């Protein structure tokens, strides 16, 4: 992968390490009363993505800087064994319960690595995909794997039983990034970063059935598995505001029904199926916002301080713990989602920004 190509997609996420480390010394630990950070785990260099294996309660961490994956025991919050080597530039992961595999997109060599979760080893081969893969999702209904190819503006479909590519890639919007599978309607939702849209793919026919206009720069998607609601984060590099939005899409109508202000530069997000709360990693404020399911807003729950540049979130629904990958500090923060009861009205908590150097 050439230097120019690396800058095209990842320079917006690279921030001066020395500068941010100085800022981190000034951050105070302002933990929300209901949801508190309980531990910080050291992982590999520049953790970028997370996945959870509910069968055994393990968390998989894609370490962009080390080209490997760290495995965390979700009961003890300790690292298991040595990291698993993958290909270059691992950035997103998804767990497939049909085959007990974790799929890892490798942005720097256009491939998909396959980790066998039963023996925690990588398969002897990787699946070639398109140019600059940046997202992966599993259709649990069809046992299909979907991979966004950011420079090709399309999605590769892989048969989960044979790990082979099916047909031609599906054309979507400009620079597709995150995507997620909705079990309620068997649709795959794809965030198109530069066209400000979400593409909807029918998982039965693998055809595009809808394109939804959303706020600018959609980057990641999470689905509430209890009701099919779709949440979309928006990462704005040069227009940072104190309350960047999360778009909310009705999974029945595919219409935007709300935009929820959170903190600064949100990227990763995940829904706890046990509490319906949505946890949002705000890379520009080193905080995790929590969206209140009773009012579908972030009011009433103060944001939770974590380490610098939180990029990804995953839920351990066996323990109601929330795992947050912090890119700049090479750590994973663990938050206990301990309180399912919320106030329905409150003043919105402010999210003061961490100063960023000009890029």
Protein backbone atom coordinates (compact mmCIF):
# COMPACT_ATOMS: atom_id res chain seq x y z
CA UNK A 1 0.00 0.00 0.00
CA UNK A 2 1.49 3.29 -1.09
CA UNK A 3 1.99 6.22 1.19
CA UNK A 4 -0.49 8.29 -0.79
CA UNK A 5 -3.13 5.63 -0.49
CA UNK A 6 -2.65 5.38 3.26
CA UNK A 7 -3.09 9.13 3.64
CA UNK A 8 -6.26 9.05 1.54
CA UNK A 9 -8.25 7.13 4.09
CA UNK A 10 -6.42 7.10 7.39
CA UNK A 11 -4.71 10.47 7.74
CA UNK A 12 -8.00 11.98 9.04
CA UNK A 13 -7.64 9.64 12.01
CA UNK A 14 -3.95 10.18 12.75
CA UNK A 15 -3.24 12.73 15.48
CA UNK A 16 0.03 13.84 17.01
CA UNK A 17 0.87 11.27 19.69
CA UNK A 18 3.06 13.59 21.69
CA UNK A 19 0.46 16.33 21.65
CA UNK A 20 -2.38 14.09 22.76
CA UNK A 21 -0.34 12.39 25.43
CA UNK A 22 0.28 15.78 26.98
CA UNK A 23 -3.44 16.48 26.90
CA UNK A 24 -4.22 13.10 28.46
CA UNK A 25 -2.24 14.05 31.57
CA UNK A 26 -4.69 16.90 32.11
CA UNK A 27 -7.85 14.81 31.68
CA UNK A 28 -9.81 14.10 34.84
CA UNK A 29 -11.70 10.88 35.38
CA UNK A 30 -15.30 12.10 35.29
CA UNK A 31 -17.25 8.83 35.37
CA UNK A 32 -21.02 8.66 35.08
CA UNK A 33 -22.75 7.42 38.21
CA UNK A 34 -24.78 4.71 36.47
CA UNK A 35 -22.16 3.52 33.97
CA UNK A 36 -18.57 3.46 35.18
CA UNK A 37 -15.23 2.51 33.69
CA UNK A 38 -14.02 -0.46 35.70
CA UNK A 39 -10.70 -1.39 34.09
CA UNK A 40 -8.27 -0.47 31.33
CA UNK A 41 -6.56 -3.26 29.39
CA UNK A 42 -3.32 -2.83 27.47
CA UNK A 43 -3.50 -4.34 23.99
CA UNK A 44 -1.53 -3.98 20.76
CA UNK A 45 -0.52 -0.83 18.93
CA UNK A 46 -3.36 1.38 17.64
CA UNK A 47 -6.45 -0.77 18.30
CA UNK A 48 -9.00 -0.02 15.62
CA UNK A 49 -11.86 -2.53 15.79
CA UNK A 50 -13.61 -4.95 18.17
CA UNK A 51 -15.73 -8.10 18.02
CA UNK A 52 -17.39 -10.27 20.66
CA UNK A 53 -17.76 -14.06 20.73
CA UNK A 54 -20.87 -14.76 22.87
CA UNK A 55 -20.25 -18.51 22.99
CA UNK A 56 -17.24 -18.20 25.27
CA UNK A 57 -17.34 -14.50 26.17
CA UNK A 58 -14.13 -13.38 24.48
CA UNK A 59 -13.37 -10.01 22.89
CA UNK A 60 -11.21 -9.69 19.77
CA UNK A 61 -9.21 -6.49 19.19
CA UNK A 62 -7.77 -5.52 15.78
CA UNK A 63 -4.41 -3.82 16.34
CA UNK A 64 -3.78 -1.68 13.28
CA UNK A 65 -0.19 -0.85 14.17
CA UNK A 66 0.94 -4.41 14.93
CA UNK A 67 -0.96 -6.33 12.23
CA UNK A 68 -2.43 -8.68 14.78
CA UNK A 69 -5.47 -9.39 16.96
CA UNK A 70 -5.52 -9.45 20.76
CA UNK A 71 -7.96 -11.78 22.54
CA UNK A 72 -9.46 -10.73 25.90
CA UNK A 73 -11.20 -12.98 28.42
CA UNK A 74 -14.53 -11.28 29.06
CA UNK A 75 -14.89 -12.78 32.53
CA UNK A 76 -11.51 -11.71 33.91
CA UNK A 77 -10.73 -8.81 31.50
CA UNK A 78 -7.25 -10.21 30.95
CA UNK A 79 -5.42 -10.88 27.69
CA UNK A 80 -5.37 -14.51 26.54
CA UNK A 81 -2.09 -15.81 25.11
CA UNK A 82 -0.12 -14.12 22.35
CA UNK A 83 -1.73 -11.91 19.70
CA UNK A 84 -2.92 -13.64 16.54
CA UNK A 85 -1.01 -12.48 13.45
CA UNK A 86 -3.16 -11.35 10.52
CA UNK A 87 -2.45 -9.34 7.36
CA UNK A 88 -1.53 -5.67 7.06
CA UNK A 89 -3.77 -2.96 8.45
CA UNK A 90 -6.47 -4.85 10.39
CA UNK A 91 -9.27 -2.42 11.14
CA UNK A 92 -12.67 -4.06 11.58
CA UNK A 93 -13.94 -7.42 12.80
CA UNK A 94 -17.14 -9.45 12.93
CA UNK A 95 -18.01 -12.71 14.66
CA UNK A 96 -19.76 -15.51 12.74
CA UNK A 97 -21.59 -17.87 15.06
CA UNK A 98 -22.32 -20.39 12.31
CA UNK A 99 -18.67 -21.32 11.87
CA UNK A 100 -17.15 -19.88 15.05
CA UNK A 101 -14.97 -17.57 12.98
CA UNK A 102 -13.91 -13.96 13.45
CA UNK A 103 -13.46 -12.14 10.15
CA UNK A 104 -10.89 -9.31 10.00
CA UNK A 105 -10.61 -6.73 7.21
CA UNK A 106 -7.01 -5.86 6.29
CA UNK A 107 -7.00 -2.43 4.67
CA UNK A 108 -3.40 -2.46 3.52
CA UNK A 109 -3.48 -5.63 1.43
CA UNK A 110 -7.14 -5.88 0.40
CA UNK A 111 -7.95 -9.11 2.18
CA UNK A 112 -10.15 -10.71 4.82
CA UNK A 113 -8.42 -12.82 7.47
CA UNK A 114 -10.31 -15.68 9.14
CA UNK A 115 -9.68 -16.55 12.80
CA UNK A 116 -10.91 -19.88 14.16
CA UNK A 117 -12.26 -18.96 17.60
CA UNK A 118 -12.23 -22.57 18.82
CA UNK A 119 -8.43 -22.74 18.74
CA UNK A 120 -7.74 -19.01 18.38
CA UNK A 121 -5.60 -19.40 15.28
CA UNK A 122 -5.77 -17.86 11.83
CA UNK A 123 -6.79 -20.03 8.89
CA UNK A 124 -4.03 -20.79 6.42
CA UNK A 125 -5.56 -18.51 3.82
CA UNK A 126 -7.19 -15.09 3.51
CA UNK A 127 -10.02 -14.13 1.19
CA UNK A 128 -9.17 -11.48 -1.44
CA UNK A 129 -11.69 -8.63 -1.46
CA UNK A 130 -11.82 -5.16 -3.04
CA UNK A 131 -9.67 -2.07 -2.72
CA UNK A 132 -9.29 -0.78 0.84
CA UNK A 133 -11.71 -2.92 2.89
CA UNK A 134 -12.88 -0.98 5.94
CA UNK A 135 -15.96 -2.75 7.29
CA UNK A 136 -17.35 -6.26 7.73
CA UNK A 137 -20.74 -7.59 8.83
CA UNK A 138 -22.34 -11.03 9.08
CA UNK A 139 -25.83 -11.95 7.89
CA UNK A 140 -26.86 -14.45 10.54
CA UNK A 141 -29.94 -15.43 8.50
CA UNK A 142 -28.09 -16.31 5.30
CA UNK A 143 -24.59 -17.03 6.68
CA UNK A 144 -23.09 -14.43 4.36
CA UNK A 145 -20.22 -12.03 5.04
CA UNK A 146 -20.33 -8.49 3.65
CA UNK A 147 -17.20 -6.34 3.24
CA UNK A 148 -17.11 -2.67 2.27
CA UNK A 149 -14.39 -1.67 -0.22
CA UNK A 150 -13.84 2.05 0.32
CA UNK A 151 -11.93 2.82 -2.86
CA UNK A 152 -14.10 0.66 -5.11
CA UNK A 153 -17.41 2.04 -3.82
CA UNK A 154 -18.84 -1.44 -3.49
CA UNK A 155 -19.48 -4.38 -1.17
CA UNK A 156 -18.03 -7.88 -1.57
CA UNK A 157 -20.27 -10.81 -0.58
CA UNK A 158 -18.69 -14.02 0.77
CA UNK A 159 -20.33 -17.38 1.40
CA UNK A 160 -19.75 -18.16 5.07
CA UNK A 161 -19.86 -21.91 4.49
CA UNK A 162 -17.14 -21.98 1.83
CA UNK A 163 -15.40 -18.63 2.46
CA UNK A 164 -15.52 -17.88 -1.25
CA UNK A 165 -16.65 -14.68 -2.97
CA UNK A 166 -20.14 -14.79 -4.49
CA UNK A 167 -20.84 -12.99 -7.77
CA UNK A 168 -19.84 -9.43 -8.54
CA UNK A 169 -19.47 -6.77 -5.84
CA UNK A 170 -22.57 -4.73 -5.05
CA UNK A 171 -22.26 -1.08 -6.08
CA UNK A 172 -23.12 1.34 -3.26
CA UNK A 173 -22.31 5.00 -2.51
CA UNK A 174 -19.07 6.95 -2.44
CA UNK A 175 -16.47 5.55 0.00
CA UNK A 176 -18.48 2.97 1.96
CA UNK A 177 -17.16 2.48 5.47
CA UNK A 178 -19.14 0.79 8.24
CA UNK A 179 -22.05 -1.58 7.74
CA UNK A 180 -24.38 -3.70 9.84
CA UNK A 181 -26.91 -6.49 9.44
CA UNK A 182 -30.50 -6.00 10.60
CA UNK A 183 -32.07 -9.33 11.64
CA UNK A 184 -35.56 -7.80 11.63
CA UNK A 185 -35.73 -7.32 7.87
CA UNK A 186 -32.68 -9.26 6.61
CA UNK A 187 -31.19 -6.01 5.27
CA UNK A 188 -27.60 -4.82 5.33
CA UNK A 189 -27.10 -1.08 5.96
CA UNK A 190 -23.96 0.55 4.50
CA UNK A 191 -22.62 3.99 5.53
CA UNK A 192 -21.29 5.89 2.50
CA UNK A 193 -18.87 8.43 3.92
CA UNK A 194 -18.57 10.86 1.01
CA UNK A 195 -22.04 10.64 -0.50
CA UNK A 196 -23.82 11.24 2.84
CA UNK A 197 -26.09 8.28 2.34
CA UNK A 198 -26.87 4.84 3.72
CA UNK A 199 -27.35 2.08 1.15
CA UNK A 200 -29.80 -0.72 1.99
CA UNK A 201 -29.03 -4.18 0.59
CA UNK A 202 -31.57 -7.02 0.65
CA UNK A 203 -29.74 -9.97 2.20
CA UNK A 204 -31.92 -12.48 0.33
CA UNK A 205 -31.26 -11.17 -3.19
CA UNK A 206 -28.06 -9.19 -2.55
CA UNK A 207 -29.47 -6.23 -4.45
CA UNK A 208 -29.75 -2.57 -3.46
CA UNK A 209 -33.33 -1.74 -2.51
CA UNK A 210 -33.00 1.75 -1.02
CA UNK A 211 -30.68 4.71 -0.52
CA UNK A 212 -31.27 6.89 2.54
CA UNK A 213 -30.05 10.49 2.80
CA UNK A 214 -28.46 11.14 6.19
CA UNK A 215 -26.30 13.82 7.83
CA UNK A 216 -22.81 14.43 6.36
CA UNK A 217 -19.97 11.91 6.65
CA UNK A 218 -21.67 8.76 7.96
CA UNK A 219 -19.00 6.32 9.12
CA UNK A 220 -20.31 3.49 11.34
CA UNK A 221 -23.64 1.73 11.89
CA UNK A 222 -25.19 -0.22 14.76
CA UNK A 223 -28.54 -2.01 14.94
CA UNK A 224 -30.82 -2.52 17.93
CA UNK A 225 -31.54 -6.26 17.58
CA UNK A 226 -34.68 -6.00 19.72
CA UNK A 227 -36.54 -3.60 17.44
CA UNK A 228 -34.49 -3.12 14.27
CA UNK A 229 -33.65 0.56 14.81
CA UNK A 230 -30.56 1.69 12.89
CA UNK A 231 -28.03 4.11 14.42
CA UNK A 232 -25.47 5.92 12.23
CA UNK A 233 -22.46 7.87 13.49
CA UNK A 234 -21.02 10.85 11.61
CA UNK A 235 -17.32 11.68 11.76
CA UNK A 236 -16.49 15.25 10.70
CA UNK A 237 -12.77 15.94 10.61
CA UNK A 238 -12.60 19.67 9.95
CA UNK A 239 -15.94 20.81 11.37
CA UNK A 240 -15.82 19.58 14.94
CA UNK A 241 -18.77 20.64 17.05
CA UNK A 242 -19.68 19.97 20.64
CA UNK A 243 -22.71 17.90 19.66
CA UNK A 244 -22.06 15.87 16.51
CA UNK A 245 -25.07 13.77 15.52
CA UNK A 246 -26.17 10.17 15.50
CA UNK A 247 -28.81 9.57 12.82
CA UNK A 248 -31.66 7.25 13.77
CA UNK A 249 -33.35 5.24 11.00
CA UNK A 250 -36.62 3.35 11.39
CA UNK A 251 -35.83 -0.18 10.22
CA UNK A 252 -39.42 -0.74 9.07
CA UNK A 253 -39.70 2.34 6.86
CA UNK A 254 -36.01 3.10 6.17
CA UNK A 255 -36.66 6.74 7.02
CA UNK A 256 -34.56 9.00 9.24
CA UNK A 257 -36.67 9.66 12.32
CA UNK A 258 -34.22 11.50 14.57
CA UNK A 259 -30.76 12.99 14.94
CA UNK A 260 -29.29 12.72 18.40
CA UNK A 261 -26.46 15.06 19.45
CA UNK A 262 -23.61 13.30 21.22
CA UNK A 263 -20.01 14.48 21.72
CA UNK A 264 -17.23 15.28 19.25
CA UNK A 265 -16.25 13.20 16.22
CA UNK A 266 -18.21 9.99 17.00
CA UNK A 267 -16.99 6.86 15.23
CA UNK A 268 -17.77 3.47 16.75
CA UNK A 269 -21.12 2.66 18.37
CA UNK A 270 -22.94 -0.40 19.70
CA UNK A 271 -26.30 -1.29 21.24
CA UNK A 272 -26.56 -3.31 24.45
CA UNK A 273 -29.40 -5.74 23.70
CA UNK A 274 -30.08 -6.19 27.42
CA UNK A 275 -30.68 -2.51 28.18
CA UNK A 276 -31.22 -1.01 24.68
CA UNK A 277 -28.68 1.70 25.53
CA UNK A 278 -26.47 2.91 22.67
CA UNK A 279 -22.80 3.53 23.47
CA UNK A 280 -20.95 5.94 21.17
CA UNK A 281 -17.16 6.38 21.04
CA UNK A 282 -16.36 10.07 20.50
CA UNK A 283 -12.81 10.21 19.13
CA UNK A 284 -12.55 13.98 19.47
CA UNK A 285 -13.45 14.22 23.15
CA UNK A 286 -12.11 10.97 24.67
CA UNK A 287 -15.60 10.21 25.93
CA UNK A 288 -18.31 7.65 25.40
CA UNK A 289 -21.83 9.03 25.02
CA UNK A 290 -24.77 6.93 26.18
CA UNK A 291 -28.10 7.28 24.39
CA UNK A 292 -31.10 6.87 26.67
CA UNK A 293 -33.55 4.39 25.11
CA UNK A 294 -36.53 5.84 27.01
CA UNK A 295 -36.32 9.15 25.17
CA UNK A 296 -33.97 8.15 22.33
CA UNK A 297 -31.55 10.88 23.35
CA UNK A 298 -28.26 11.36 25.15
CA UNK A 299 -29.79 13.52 27.88
CA UNK A 300 -29.84 12.23 31.41
CA UNK A 301 -26.67 10.16 31.16
CA UNK A 302 -23.34 11.99 31.47
CA UNK A 303 -20.65 10.95 28.99
CA UNK A 304 -18.00 8.57 30.29
CA UNK A 305 -14.30 9.44 30.18
CA UNK A 306 -12.05 6.86 28.51
CA UNK A 307 -8.58 7.02 26.96
CA UNK A 308 -7.60 9.06 23.92
CA UNK A 309 -9.16 8.54 20.50
CA UNK A 310 -11.80 5.91 21.22
CA UNK A 311 -12.59 4.35 17.84
CA UNK A 312 -14.66 1.23 18.39
CA UNK A 313 -17.25 -0.19 20.80
CA UNK A 314 -18.53 -3.71 21.39
CA UNK A 315 -20.92 -5.14 24.01
CA UNK A 316 -20.34 -8.22 26.14
CA UNK A 317 -23.99 -9.07 26.72
CA UNK A 318 -23.06 -11.90 29.08
CA UNK A 319 -21.73 -9.44 31.66
CA UNK A 320 -23.33 -6.16 30.48
CA UNK A 321 -19.84 -4.75 29.93
CA UNK A 322 -18.92 -2.28 27.20
CA UNK A 323 -15.48 -2.49 25.57
CA UNK A 324 -13.95 0.61 23.96
CA UNK A 325 -10.84 0.51 21.75
CA UNK A 326 -8.64 3.59 22.32
CA UNK A 327 -6.49 4.08 19.24
CA UNK A 328 -4.00 6.60 20.62
CA UNK A 329 -3.16 4.90 23.91
CA UNK A 330 -3.25 1.26 22.71
CA UNK A 331 -5.76 0.31 25.38
CA UNK A 332 -9.27 -1.04 25.76
CA UNK A 333 -11.51 0.59 28.36
CA UNK A 334 -14.18 -1.53 30.03
CA UNK A 335 -17.42 0.14 31.16
CA UNK A 336 -20.01 -1.55 33.33
CA UNK A 337 -23.50 -0.98 32.01
CA UNK A 338 -24.94 -1.29 35.47
CA UNK A 339 -28.07 0.82 35.63
CA UNK A 340 -31.03 0.12 33.31
CA UNK A 341 -33.10 2.91 34.90
CA UNK A 342 -32.73 6.46 33.61
CA UNK A 343 -34.12 9.89 34.12
CA UNK A 344 -36.34 10.87 31.21
CA UNK A 345 -35.45 14.56 31.38
CA UNK A 346 -32.15 16.19 32.18
CA UNK A 347 -29.74 18.84 30.99
CA UNK A 348 -27.50 17.64 28.19
CA UNK A 349 -23.98 16.99 29.43
CA UNK A 350 -21.31 19.09 27.74
CA UNK A 351 -18.46 17.41 25.93
CA UNK A 352 -15.53 19.84 25.85
CA UNK A 353 -13.18 19.01 22.98
CA UNK A 354 -9.64 17.78 23.18
CA UNK A 355 -7.65 20.33 21.12
CA UNK A 356 -6.46 18.78 17.89
CA UNK A 357 -3.51 19.96 15.80
CA UNK A 358 -4.21 21.07 12.27
CA UNK A 359 -3.80 18.31 9.69
